[in-house]
Structures are given as C-alpha cells and as structure tokens.
Amino acid sequence: MAVTTCDGCGACCMGQNLLPLTGAGLDGRRLPDVLQFRLTAIIEGPLSGDDYCPCVWLDRATGRCNHHDHRPSICREFHVGGEDCLRIRAKGGG
C-alpha cells in the first residue's frame, strides 16, 4: 500500500527537538510574529520532551505539523511515501 499522508505518523519529526532551521531554513520567508515569538520562547527557554525529542511544532495527537505552511525547507523537501519516508517510518514505527 502506498503512503500518501502524514496523518498519524510524525516519524520524520522525531529526533528534531527544535525546528531544523538553518540560514535560509524558511527560504527567505519571514515567520508571522506570533510564530516567531513562540519559536524564540522555545529556543531561549528550557527544552523539555520525551526520549524521542520530537520537533516542537509536531502535533503528537495527529502526527502532523502545527504550522505546516511555515515549515522549514528541509521539511518541504521531504517526500511523503518516498524512500526516506518509508525508511524512517519502518525504523520509527510511524
């Protein structure tokens, strides 16, 4: 069966702890002020989480990104159902 959705998964978001943002992580786009405020608070505050250290924007209940429209470029380049997706799902049980 082909994988066509992220619903109930989130395996690729595990082990991230923080958003995987680098220089042009959002392709030059600016985060909305409310998301920038949240991200700054997370970066400057104490990190917490379970042993899997999920990305801070992952909705653990749905396995989806809470801010999908503003996800970093590395997340945009990740293909649902692609080779990396299937490998990570198999390893992480997503």
N, C-alpha and C. Protein backbone atom coordinates (compact mmCIF):
# COMPACT_ATOMS: atom_id res chain seq x y z
N MET A 1 0.84 -1.19 0.00
CA MET A 1 0.00 0.00 0.00
C MET A 1 0.89 1.25 0.00
N ALA A 2 0.60 2.19 -0.87
CA ALA A 2 1.38 3.42 -0.98
C ALA A 2 1.05 4.37 0.17
N VAL A 3 2.08 5.03 0.67
CA VAL A 3 1.91 6.04 1.72
C VAL A 3 1.64 7.37 1.04
N THR A 4 0.50 8.00 1.38
CA THR A 4 0.13 9.25 0.74
C THR A 4 -0.18 10.37 1.73
N THR A 5 -0.08 10.09 3.02
CA THR A 5 -0.42 11.10 4.03
C THR A 5 0.49 10.97 5.25
N CYS A 6 0.59 12.06 5.98
CA CYS A 6 1.36 12.08 7.23
C CYS A 6 0.48 11.78 8.44
N ASP A 7 -0.82 11.71 8.22
CA ASP A 7 -1.76 11.53 9.34
C ASP A 7 -1.35 10.36 10.22
N GLY A 8 -1.26 10.63 11.51
CA GLY A 8 -0.95 9.61 12.49
C GLY A 8 0.50 9.16 12.52
N CYS A 9 1.37 9.82 11.81
CA CYS A 9 2.77 9.39 11.74
C CYS A 9 3.67 10.31 12.56
N GLY A 10 4.32 11.27 11.92
CA GLY A 10 5.25 12.18 12.59
C GLY A 10 6.63 11.59 12.79
N ALA A 11 6.91 10.41 12.20
CA ALA A 11 8.20 9.75 12.40
C ALA A 11 9.37 10.63 11.95
N CYS A 12 9.20 11.39 10.86
CA CYS A 12 10.30 12.22 10.37
C CYS A 12 10.52 13.44 11.27
N CYS A 13 9.59 13.74 12.14
CA CYS A 13 9.71 14.89 13.05
C CYS A 13 10.35 14.50 14.38
N MET A 14 10.51 13.21 14.60
CA MET A 14 11.10 12.75 15.85
C MET A 14 12.62 12.97 15.79
N GLY A 15 13.22 13.20 16.93
CA GLY A 15 14.66 13.40 16.99
C GLY A 15 15.09 14.79 16.56
N GLN A 16 14.15 15.69 16.34
CA GLN A 16 14.47 17.05 15.91
C GLN A 16 14.62 17.99 17.09
N ASN A 17 13.82 17.83 18.12
CA ASN A 17 13.77 18.67 19.32
C ASN A 17 13.41 20.11 18.99
N LEU A 18 14.21 20.78 18.19
CA LEU A 18 13.88 22.12 17.72
C LEU A 18 13.62 22.05 16.23
N LEU A 19 13.01 23.07 15.69
CA LEU A 19 12.82 23.12 14.25
C LEU A 19 14.19 23.07 13.58
N PRO A 20 14.31 22.31 12.52
CA PRO A 20 15.60 22.23 11.82
C PRO A 20 15.83 23.46 10.96
N LEU A 21 15.97 24.61 11.61
CA LEU A 21 16.16 25.87 10.89
C LEU A 21 17.64 26.18 10.73
N THR A 22 18.02 26.52 9.53
CA THR A 22 19.37 26.99 9.26
C THR A 22 19.24 28.26 8.46
N GLY A 23 20.31 28.91 8.14
CA GLY A 23 20.30 30.18 7.43
C GLY A 23 19.07 30.50 6.63
N ALA A 24 18.80 29.75 5.59
CA ALA A 24 17.65 30.01 4.74
C ALA A 24 16.58 28.95 4.96
N GLY A 25 16.45 28.49 6.19
CA GLY A 25 15.53 27.41 6.51
C GLY A 25 14.11 27.63 6.08
N LEU A 26 13.68 28.87 6.01
CA LEU A 26 12.33 29.16 5.56
C LEU A 26 12.33 29.80 4.19
N ASP A 27 13.39 29.54 3.43
CA ASP A 27 13.51 30.04 2.07
C ASP A 27 13.32 31.55 1.99
N GLY A 28 13.86 32.26 2.96
CA GLY A 28 13.79 33.71 2.96
C GLY A 28 12.47 34.28 3.42
N ARG A 29 11.52 33.41 3.73
CA ARG A 29 10.22 33.89 4.19
C ARG A 29 10.28 34.21 5.67
N ARG A 30 9.57 35.22 6.07
CA ARG A 30 9.53 35.61 7.47
C ARG A 30 8.36 34.91 8.15
N LEU A 31 8.62 34.42 9.35
CA LEU A 31 7.55 33.82 10.15
C LEU A 31 6.58 34.90 10.60
N PRO A 32 5.30 34.56 10.69
CA PRO A 32 4.37 35.51 11.31
C PRO A 32 4.85 35.83 12.72
N ASP A 33 4.58 37.03 13.20
CA ASP A 33 5.07 37.46 14.51
C ASP A 33 4.72 36.49 15.63
N VAL A 34 3.51 35.95 15.64
CA VAL A 34 3.12 35.05 16.72
C VAL A 34 3.97 33.77 16.71
N LEU A 35 4.31 33.27 15.51
CA LEU A 35 5.16 32.08 15.45
C LEU A 35 6.60 32.41 15.79
N GLN A 36 7.07 33.58 15.38
CA GLN A 36 8.43 34.00 15.74
C GLN A 36 8.56 34.12 17.25
N PHE A 37 7.52 34.67 17.89
CA PHE A 37 7.51 34.82 19.35
C PHE A 37 7.57 33.44 20.01
N ARG A 38 6.76 32.51 19.52
CA ARG A 38 6.75 31.15 20.10
C ARG A 38 8.09 30.46 19.91
N LEU A 39 8.65 30.59 18.71
CA LEU A 39 9.93 29.94 18.44
C LEU A 39 11.04 30.53 19.30
N THR A 40 11.05 31.85 19.45
CA THR A 40 12.05 32.50 20.31
C THR A 40 11.92 32.03 21.75
N ALA A 41 10.69 31.93 22.24
CA ALA A 41 10.46 31.46 23.62
C ALA A 41 10.96 30.04 23.80
N ILE A 42 10.76 29.20 22.81
CA ILE A 42 11.21 27.81 22.89
C ILE A 42 12.73 27.75 22.89
N ILE A 43 13.36 28.50 21.99
CA ILE A 43 14.82 28.48 21.88
C ILE A 43 15.48 29.02 23.14
N GLU A 44 14.91 30.08 23.71
CA GLU A 44 15.51 30.71 24.88
C GLU A 44 15.13 30.03 26.19
N GLY A 45 14.08 29.23 26.17
CA GLY A 45 13.62 28.57 27.39
C GLY A 45 14.23 27.20 27.55
N PRO A 46 13.90 26.55 28.65
CA PRO A 46 14.41 25.18 28.86
C PRO A 46 13.71 24.22 27.90
N LEU A 47 14.47 23.31 27.33
CA LEU A 47 13.89 22.31 26.45
C LEU A 47 13.31 21.18 27.29
N SER A 48 12.19 20.70 26.85
CA SER A 48 11.60 19.55 27.54
C SER A 48 11.04 18.63 26.48
N GLY A 49 10.76 17.43 26.86
CA GLY A 49 10.21 16.47 25.91
C GLY A 49 10.53 15.07 26.35
N ASP A 50 10.06 14.12 25.59
CA ASP A 50 10.32 12.74 25.94
C ASP A 50 11.62 12.28 25.28
N ASP A 51 11.90 11.00 25.40
CA ASP A 51 13.14 10.45 24.87
C ASP A 51 13.27 10.58 23.36
N TYR A 52 12.15 10.71 22.67
CA TYR A 52 12.20 10.80 21.22
C TYR A 52 12.47 12.22 20.73
N CYS A 53 12.39 13.21 21.59
CA CYS A 53 12.67 14.61 21.27
C CYS A 53 12.01 15.04 19.97
N PRO A 54 10.68 15.07 19.93
CA PRO A 54 10.01 15.48 18.70
C PRO A 54 10.21 16.96 18.41
N CYS A 55 10.05 17.33 17.16
CA CYS A 55 10.07 18.73 16.77
C CYS A 55 9.00 19.46 17.59
N VAL A 56 9.32 20.67 17.99
CA VAL A 56 8.41 21.42 18.86
C VAL A 56 7.10 21.79 18.17
N TRP A 57 7.04 21.72 16.84
CA TRP A 57 5.80 22.05 16.13
C TRP A 57 4.97 20.82 15.79
N LEU A 58 5.44 19.63 16.16
CA LEU A 58 4.71 18.40 15.87
C LEU A 58 3.51 18.26 16.80
N ASP A 59 2.36 18.02 16.22
CA ASP A 59 1.15 17.70 17.00
C ASP A 59 1.18 16.19 17.20
N ARG A 60 1.52 15.76 18.39
CA ARG A 60 1.68 14.32 18.65
C ARG A 60 0.37 13.56 18.50
N ALA A 61 -0.77 14.22 18.68
CA ALA A 61 -2.06 13.55 18.56
C ALA A 61 -2.39 13.19 17.10
N THR A 62 -1.99 14.05 16.18
CA THR A 62 -2.32 13.83 14.77
C THR A 62 -1.13 13.37 13.93
N GLY A 63 0.09 13.59 14.44
CA GLY A 63 1.29 13.27 13.67
C GLY A 63 1.56 14.28 12.58
N ARG A 64 0.96 15.44 12.68
CA ARG A 64 1.12 16.47 11.65
C ARG A 64 1.74 17.73 12.24
N CYS A 65 2.27 18.57 11.36
CA CYS A 65 2.89 19.83 11.76
C CYS A 65 1.82 20.85 12.13
N ASN A 66 2.00 21.49 13.27
CA ASN A 66 1.07 22.54 13.70
C ASN A 66 1.15 23.79 12.82
N HIS A 67 2.27 23.99 12.16
CA HIS A 67 2.46 25.19 11.35
C HIS A 67 2.98 24.80 9.96
N HIS A 68 2.27 23.91 9.31
CA HIS A 68 2.67 23.32 8.04
C HIS A 68 3.02 24.36 6.97
N ASP A 69 2.28 25.45 6.91
CA ASP A 69 2.55 26.49 5.91
C ASP A 69 3.87 27.21 6.14
N HIS A 70 4.43 27.08 7.33
CA HIS A 70 5.67 27.79 7.68
C HIS A 70 6.79 26.82 8.05
N ARG A 71 6.69 25.59 7.56
CA ARG A 71 7.72 24.60 7.89
C ARG A 71 9.02 24.92 7.15
N PRO A 72 10.15 24.50 7.71
CA PRO A 72 11.46 24.76 7.11
C PRO A 72 11.61 24.06 5.76
N SER A 73 12.57 24.52 4.98
CA SER A 73 12.79 23.96 3.64
C SER A 73 13.11 22.47 3.69
N ILE A 74 13.84 22.01 4.71
CA ILE A 74 14.17 20.59 4.78
C ILE A 74 12.91 19.75 4.91
N CYS A 75 11.90 20.29 5.57
CA CYS A 75 10.63 19.58 5.71
C CYS A 75 9.84 19.65 4.40
N ARG A 76 9.97 20.75 3.69
CA ARG A 76 9.28 20.89 2.40
C ARG A 76 9.86 19.94 1.37
N GLU A 77 11.13 19.62 1.48
CA GLU A 77 11.80 18.76 0.52
C GLU A 77 11.58 17.27 0.81
N PHE A 78 11.06 16.96 1.98
CA PHE A 78 10.83 15.57 2.38
C PHE A 78 9.57 15.06 1.68
N HIS A 79 9.65 13.96 0.98
CA HIS A 79 8.53 13.47 0.18
C HIS A 79 7.78 12.35 0.90
N VAL A 80 6.51 12.58 1.18
CA VAL A 80 5.65 11.56 1.79
C VAL A 80 5.60 10.35 0.87
N GLY A 81 5.93 9.20 1.43
CA GLY A 81 5.93 7.97 0.65
C GLY A 81 7.22 7.71 -0.11
N GLY A 82 8.17 8.65 -0.02
CA GLY A 82 9.46 8.48 -0.68
C GLY A 82 10.34 7.49 0.08
N GLU A 83 11.49 7.22 -0.47
CA GLU A 83 12.41 6.25 0.12
C GLU A 83 12.78 6.60 1.57
N ASP A 84 13.13 7.87 1.81
CA ASP A 84 13.49 8.29 3.17
C ASP A 84 12.30 8.17 4.12
N CYS A 85 11.12 8.56 3.65
CA CYS A 85 9.90 8.48 4.44
C CYS A 85 9.66 7.03 4.88
N LEU A 86 9.70 6.11 3.94
CA LEU A 86 9.43 4.71 4.24
C LEU A 86 10.48 4.12 5.19
N ARG A 87 11.75 4.52 5.00
CA ARG A 87 12.82 4.04 5.88
C ARG A 87 12.61 4.53 7.31
N ILE A 88 12.29 5.82 7.45
CA ILE A 88 12.09 6.40 8.78
C ILE A 88 10.85 5.81 9.44
N ARG A 89 9.79 5.62 8.68
CA ARG A 89 8.58 5.01 9.24
C ARG A 89 8.87 3.60 9.73
N ALA A 90 9.62 2.83 8.96
CA ALA A 90 9.93 1.45 9.35
C ALA A 90 10.77 1.43 10.63
N LYS A 91 11.70 2.36 10.74
CA LYS A 91 12.57 2.42 11.90
C LYS A 91 11.83 2.98 13.12
N GLY A 92 10.99 4.01 12.89
CA GLY A 92 10.32 4.68 14.00
C GLY A 92 8.94 4.20 14.32
N GLY A 93 8.43 3.30 13.52
CA GLY A 93 7.12 2.76 13.82
C GLY A 93 5.97 3.71 13.48
N GLY A 94 6.23 4.73 12.63
CA GLY A 94 5.18 5.68 12.27
C GLY A 94 4.14 5.13 11.35
